[in-house]
Amino acid sequence: MATKPSSGSFLDTLKAVSWGFLGVRQRGEYEKDIKRLHPLHLMAMGIVMAFVFVGVLIALVNWVAG
């Protein structure tokens, strides 16, 4: 009987995408994440974090220039 691999949590997805943004993910951890996390969840989290990053940059520039 084949068992379904355990799905990663929200925090696991957030951590994987955060390390990916910084570019410091270890290969072994990356391979574990690929097996464990759902690709659509990773893409959605990446898009959300990109918008948050841009929003923070805009707010920072407005604060410094304002």
N, C-alpha and C. Protein backbone atom coordinates (compact mmCIF):
# COMPACT_ATOMS: atom_id res chain seq x y z
N MET A 1 0.83 -1.17 0.00
CA MET A 1 0.00 0.00 0.00
C MET A 1 0.88 1.25 0.00
N ALA A 2 0.69 2.11 -0.97
CA ALA A 2 1.48 3.34 -1.05
C ALA A 2 0.87 4.41 -0.15
N THR A 3 1.73 5.05 0.60
CA THR A 3 1.24 6.12 1.46
C THR A 3 1.58 7.46 0.83
N LYS A 4 0.70 8.40 1.04
CA LYS A 4 0.92 9.75 0.51
C LYS A 4 1.99 10.44 1.35
N PRO A 5 2.97 11.08 0.71
CA PRO A 5 3.98 11.79 1.49
C PRO A 5 3.34 12.93 2.27
N SER A 6 3.90 13.20 3.43
CA SER A 6 3.31 14.24 4.26
C SER A 6 3.46 15.59 3.59
N SER A 7 2.40 16.36 3.69
CA SER A 7 2.39 17.68 3.08
C SER A 7 3.04 18.68 4.02
N GLY A 8 3.76 19.62 3.45
CA GLY A 8 4.41 20.64 4.25
C GLY A 8 3.40 21.64 4.77
N SER A 9 3.74 22.26 5.87
CA SER A 9 2.86 23.25 6.47
C SER A 9 3.08 24.62 5.84
N PHE A 10 2.25 25.57 6.25
CA PHE A 10 2.39 26.95 5.79
C PHE A 10 3.77 27.49 6.16
N LEU A 11 4.22 27.21 7.37
CA LEU A 11 5.52 27.71 7.81
C LEU A 11 6.67 27.07 7.04
N ASP A 12 6.53 25.79 6.69
CA ASP A 12 7.55 25.13 5.88
C ASP A 12 7.66 25.79 4.50
N THR A 13 6.51 26.12 3.91
CA THR A 13 6.50 26.79 2.62
C THR A 13 7.09 28.18 2.72
N LEU A 14 6.72 28.91 3.77
CA LEU A 14 7.26 30.26 3.98
C LEU A 14 8.78 30.22 4.15
N LYS A 15 9.25 29.26 4.91
CA LYS A 15 10.69 29.13 5.15
C LYS A 15 11.42 28.80 3.85
N ALA A 16 10.88 27.88 3.07
CA ALA A 16 11.53 27.49 1.81
C ALA A 16 11.60 28.66 0.84
N VAL A 17 10.51 29.42 0.73
CA VAL A 17 10.50 30.55 -0.20
C VAL A 17 11.41 31.66 0.31
N SER A 18 11.43 31.88 1.62
CA SER A 18 12.30 32.92 2.19
C SER A 18 13.77 32.61 1.91
N TRP A 19 14.18 31.38 2.15
CA TRP A 19 15.56 30.99 1.86
C TRP A 19 15.85 31.10 0.37
N GLY A 20 14.85 30.80 -0.46
CA GLY A 20 15.02 30.93 -1.90
C GLY A 20 15.22 32.39 -2.32
N PHE A 21 14.50 33.29 -1.68
CA PHE A 21 14.67 34.72 -1.97
C PHE A 21 16.09 35.17 -1.63
N LEU A 22 16.62 34.65 -0.55
CA LEU A 22 17.97 35.03 -0.14
C LEU A 22 19.04 34.28 -0.94
N GLY A 23 18.67 33.16 -1.54
CA GLY A 23 19.61 32.40 -2.35
C GLY A 23 20.60 31.58 -1.55
N VAL A 24 20.26 31.19 -0.33
CA VAL A 24 21.19 30.45 0.51
C VAL A 24 20.65 29.07 0.89
N ARG A 25 19.75 28.53 0.09
CA ARG A 25 19.17 27.22 0.40
C ARG A 25 20.19 26.12 0.11
N GLN A 26 20.37 25.19 1.05
CA GLN A 26 21.27 24.06 0.82
C GLN A 26 20.60 23.05 -0.10
N ARG A 27 21.41 22.35 -0.87
CA ARG A 27 20.87 21.42 -1.86
C ARG A 27 20.03 20.31 -1.21
N GLY A 28 20.48 19.77 -0.11
CA GLY A 28 19.75 18.70 0.56
C GLY A 28 18.39 19.17 1.05
N GLU A 29 18.34 20.35 1.62
CA GLU A 29 17.07 20.91 2.09
C GLU A 29 16.15 21.22 0.91
N TYR A 30 16.73 21.71 -0.18
CA TYR A 30 15.96 22.00 -1.39
C TYR A 30 15.30 20.72 -1.90
N GLU A 31 16.06 19.64 -1.96
CA GLU A 31 15.51 18.37 -2.46
C GLU A 31 14.41 17.84 -1.55
N LYS A 32 14.56 18.01 -0.23
CA LYS A 32 13.49 17.60 0.69
C LYS A 32 12.23 18.42 0.45
N ASP A 33 12.41 19.72 0.23
CA ASP A 33 11.26 20.59 0.00
C ASP A 33 10.54 20.23 -1.29
N ILE A 34 11.28 19.89 -2.32
CA ILE A 34 10.67 19.53 -3.60
C ILE A 34 9.79 18.29 -3.44
N LYS A 35 10.23 17.35 -2.64
CA LYS A 35 9.45 16.13 -2.42
C LYS A 35 8.24 16.38 -1.52
N ARG A 36 8.35 17.34 -0.60
CA ARG A 36 7.36 17.51 0.45
C ARG A 36 6.34 18.61 0.16
N LEU A 37 6.76 19.69 -0.50
CA LEU A 37 5.88 20.84 -0.67
C LEU A 37 5.21 20.83 -2.04
N HIS A 38 4.01 21.36 -2.08
CA HIS A 38 3.22 21.42 -3.31
C HIS A 38 3.70 22.59 -4.17
N PRO A 39 3.97 22.37 -5.46
CA PRO A 39 4.50 23.43 -6.32
C PRO A 39 3.60 24.67 -6.40
N LEU A 40 2.29 24.47 -6.43
CA LEU A 40 1.39 25.62 -6.49
C LEU A 40 1.46 26.47 -5.22
N HIS A 41 1.64 25.82 -4.09
CA HIS A 41 1.79 26.56 -2.84
C HIS A 41 3.07 27.37 -2.86
N LEU A 42 4.14 26.79 -3.39
CA LEU A 42 5.42 27.51 -3.49
C LEU A 42 5.30 28.72 -4.42
N MET A 43 4.64 28.54 -5.56
CA MET A 43 4.48 29.65 -6.49
C MET A 43 3.62 30.76 -5.90
N ALA A 44 2.52 30.38 -5.26
CA ALA A 44 1.64 31.39 -4.66
C ALA A 44 2.37 32.15 -3.56
N MET A 45 3.11 31.44 -2.73
CA MET A 45 3.85 32.10 -1.65
C MET A 45 4.92 33.01 -2.23
N GLY A 46 5.58 32.59 -3.30
CA GLY A 46 6.59 33.42 -3.95
C GLY A 46 6.01 34.71 -4.49
N ILE A 47 4.84 34.62 -5.12
CA ILE A 47 4.19 35.82 -5.66
C ILE A 47 3.77 36.76 -4.54
N VAL A 48 3.18 36.22 -3.48
CA VAL A 48 2.77 37.04 -2.34
C VAL A 48 3.99 37.72 -1.71
N MET A 49 5.06 36.97 -1.52
CA MET A 49 6.25 37.55 -0.91
C MET A 49 6.90 38.60 -1.81
N ALA A 50 6.82 38.43 -3.12
CA ALA A 50 7.35 39.44 -4.04
C ALA A 50 6.56 40.74 -3.90
N PHE A 51 5.23 40.65 -3.82
CA PHE A 51 4.41 41.85 -3.62
C PHE A 51 4.70 42.51 -2.28
N VAL A 52 4.88 41.71 -1.26
CA VAL A 52 5.20 42.26 0.07
C VAL A 52 6.56 42.97 0.01
N PHE A 53 7.52 42.35 -0.64
CA PHE A 53 8.86 42.94 -0.77
C PHE A 53 8.80 44.29 -1.48
N VAL A 54 8.07 44.34 -2.60
CA VAL A 54 7.93 45.59 -3.34
C VAL A 54 7.20 46.63 -2.50
N GLY A 55 6.16 46.22 -1.79
CA GLY A 55 5.43 47.15 -0.93
C GLY A 55 6.31 47.72 0.17
N VAL A 56 7.15 46.89 0.76
CA VAL A 56 8.07 47.36 1.80
C VAL A 56 9.08 48.34 1.21
N LEU A 57 9.59 48.05 0.02
CA LEU A 57 10.53 48.97 -0.62
C LEU A 57 9.87 50.31 -0.92
N ILE A 58 8.65 50.30 -1.43
CA ILE A 58 7.93 51.55 -1.71
C ILE A 58 7.70 52.33 -0.43
N ALA A 59 7.28 51.65 0.62
CA ALA A 59 7.06 52.33 1.90
C ALA A 59 8.36 52.92 2.45
N LEU A 60 9.45 52.19 2.32
CA LEU A 60 10.74 52.68 2.80
C LEU A 60 11.19 53.92 2.03
N VAL A 61 11.03 53.90 0.72
CA VAL A 61 11.41 55.05 -0.10
C VAL A 61 10.54 56.26 0.25
N ASN A 62 9.24 56.05 0.41
CA ASN A 62 8.36 57.16 0.78
C ASN A 62 8.70 57.71 2.15
N TRP A 63 9.08 56.85 3.07
CA TRP A 63 9.45 57.29 4.41
C TRP A 63 10.74 58.10 4.39
N VAL A 64 11.73 57.62 3.63
CA VAL A 64 13.03 58.31 3.56
C VAL A 64 12.87 59.62 2.79
N ALA A 65 12.14 59.62 1.69
CA ALA A 65 12.01 60.82 0.87
C ALA A 65 10.98 61.80 1.43
N GLY A 66 10.09 61.32 2.26
CA GLY A 66 8.99 62.16 2.74
C GLY A 66 9.36 63.03 3.84
